[in-house]
Amino acid sequence: KFFSRTEIEGRKIEETDITVADLQFGGTYAYTDDMALSIAIGFGLTPNSPDVQLSIKTPIRFSF
């Protein structure tokens, strides 16, 4: 993600342009056709990104 420098009333605010990058690894296990578990771990690559991130998601699809 790239965030450009912030401007307020035409004045550029210093140190507001940052780059956030991370490297993520993950996988998904499908329990059924309608339910799964997704797990990912991310490692920050730039000083402005978090050092480590853990993501756990359970997408559920409802069929009508």
C-alpha atoms as a PDB file:
ATOM      1  CA  LYS A   1       0.000   0.000   0.000  1.00  0.00           C
ATOM      2  CA  PHE A   2       1.218   3.463  -0.808  1.00  0.00           C
ATOM      3  CA  PHE A   3      -0.019   6.531   1.022  1.00  0.00           C
ATOM      4  CA  SER A   4       0.768   9.857  -0.606  1.00  0.00           C
ATOM      5  CA  ARG A   5       1.656  13.007   1.292  1.00  0.00           C
ATOM      6  CA  THR A   6      -1.288  14.640   3.019  1.00  0.00           C
ATOM      7  CA  GLU A   7      -2.202  18.196   2.102  1.00  0.00           C
ATOM      8  CA  ILE A   8      -4.306  20.537   4.238  1.00  0.00           C
ATOM      9  CA  GLU A   9      -5.298  23.850   2.662  1.00  0.00           C
ATOM     10  CA  GLY A  10      -2.531  23.471   0.090  1.00  0.00           C
ATOM     11  CA  ARG A  11       0.223  22.821   2.682  1.00  0.00           C
ATOM     12  CA  LYS A  12       1.999  19.475   2.520  1.00  0.00           C
ATOM     13  CA  ILE A  13       2.311  17.753   5.892  1.00  0.00           C
ATOM     14  CA  GLU A  14       5.772  16.263   6.426  1.00  0.00           C
ATOM     15  CA  GLU A  15       6.283  12.513   6.960  1.00  0.00           C
ATOM     16  CA  THR A  16       2.789  11.534   5.817  1.00  0.00           C
ATOM     17  CA  ASP A  17       3.874   9.662   2.688  1.00  0.00           C
ATOM     18  CA  ILE A  18       4.519   6.059   3.689  1.00  0.00           C
ATOM     19  CA  THR A  19       4.805   2.629   2.106  1.00  0.00           C
ATOM     20  CA  VAL A  20       3.388  -0.408   3.870  1.00  0.00           C
ATOM     21  CA  ALA A  21       4.369  -3.861   2.608  1.00  0.00           C
ATOM     22  CA  ASP A  22       4.095  -7.327   4.046  1.00  0.00           C
ATOM     23  CA  LEU A  23       4.664 -10.896   2.922  1.00  0.00           C
ATOM     24  CA  GLN A  24       1.782 -13.251   3.687  1.00  0.00           C
ATOM     25  CA  PHE A  25       1.548 -17.032   3.751  1.00  0.00           C
ATOM     26  CA  GLY A  26      -1.677 -18.883   4.319  1.00  0.00           C
ATOM     27  CA  GLY A  27      -4.032 -21.638   3.480  1.00  0.00           C
ATOM     28  CA  THR A  28      -7.657 -22.657   3.548  1.00  0.00           C
ATOM     29  CA  TYR A  29      -9.261 -25.876   4.746  1.00  0.00           C
ATOM     30  CA  ALA A  30     -12.769 -26.571   3.466  1.00  0.00           C
ATOM     31  CA  TYR A  31     -14.936 -28.456   5.989  1.00  0.00           C
ATOM     32  CA  THR A  32     -17.914 -28.637   3.651  1.00  0.00           C
ATOM     33  CA  ASP A  33     -19.012 -26.932   0.433  1.00  0.00           C
ATOM     34  CA  ASP A  34     -20.426 -24.069   2.538  1.00  0.00           C
ATOM     35  CA  MET A  35     -17.861 -23.674   5.351  1.00  0.00           C
ATOM     36  CA  ALA A  36     -14.080 -23.245   5.468  1.00  0.00           C
ATOM     37  CA  LEU A  37     -11.263 -22.067   7.754  1.00  0.00           C
ATOM     38  CA  SER A  38      -8.619 -19.674   6.390  1.00  0.00           C
ATOM     39  CA  ILE A  39      -5.403 -18.956   8.287  1.00  0.00           C
ATOM     40  CA  ALA A  40      -2.658 -16.533   7.194  1.00  0.00           C
ATOM     41  CA  ILE A  41       0.472 -15.110   8.774  1.00  0.00           C
ATOM     42  CA  GLY A  42       2.125 -11.947   7.500  1.00  0.00           C
ATOM     43  CA  PHE A  43       5.568 -10.477   8.101  1.00  0.00           C
ATOM     44  CA  GLY A  44       6.227  -6.751   7.757  1.00  0.00           C
ATOM     45  CA  LEU A  45       8.746  -5.730   5.105  1.00  0.00           C
ATOM     46  CA  THR A  46       8.853  -1.979   5.757  1.00  0.00           C
ATOM     47  CA  PRO A  47       9.276   0.049   8.957  1.00  0.00           C
ATOM     48  CA  ASN A  48       5.694   1.349   8.638  1.00  0.00           C
ATOM     49  CA  SER A  49       4.067  -2.105   8.589  1.00  0.00           C
ATOM     50  CA  PRO A  50       3.346  -4.356  11.590  1.00  0.00           C
ATOM     51  CA  ASP A  51       6.123  -6.852  12.386  1.00  0.00           C
ATOM     52  CA  VAL A  52       3.795  -9.881  12.421  1.00  0.00           C
ATOM     53  CA  GLN A  53       0.095 -10.323  11.631  1.00  0.00           C
ATOM     54  CA  LEU A  54      -2.090 -13.374  12.179  1.00  0.00           C
ATOM     55  CA  SER A  55      -5.410 -13.701  10.387  1.00  0.00           C
ATOM     56  CA  ILE A  56      -8.027 -16.378  11.077  1.00  0.00           C
ATOM     57  CA  LYS A  57     -11.254 -16.302   9.082  1.00  0.00           C
ATOM     58  CA  THR A  58     -14.261 -18.575   8.789  1.00  0.00           C
ATOM     59  CA  PRO A  59     -16.141 -17.790   5.609  1.00  0.00           C
ATOM     60  CA  ILE A  60     -19.601 -19.327   5.639  1.00  0.00           C
ATOM     61  CA  ARG A  61     -21.790 -19.461   2.558  1.00  0.00           C
ATOM     62  CA  PHE A  62     -25.543 -19.616   2.985  1.00  0.00           C
ATOM     63  CA  SER A  63     -27.454 -21.419   0.280  1.00  0.00           C
ATOM     64  CA  PHE A  64     -31.145 -20.685  -0.182  1.00  0.00           C
END
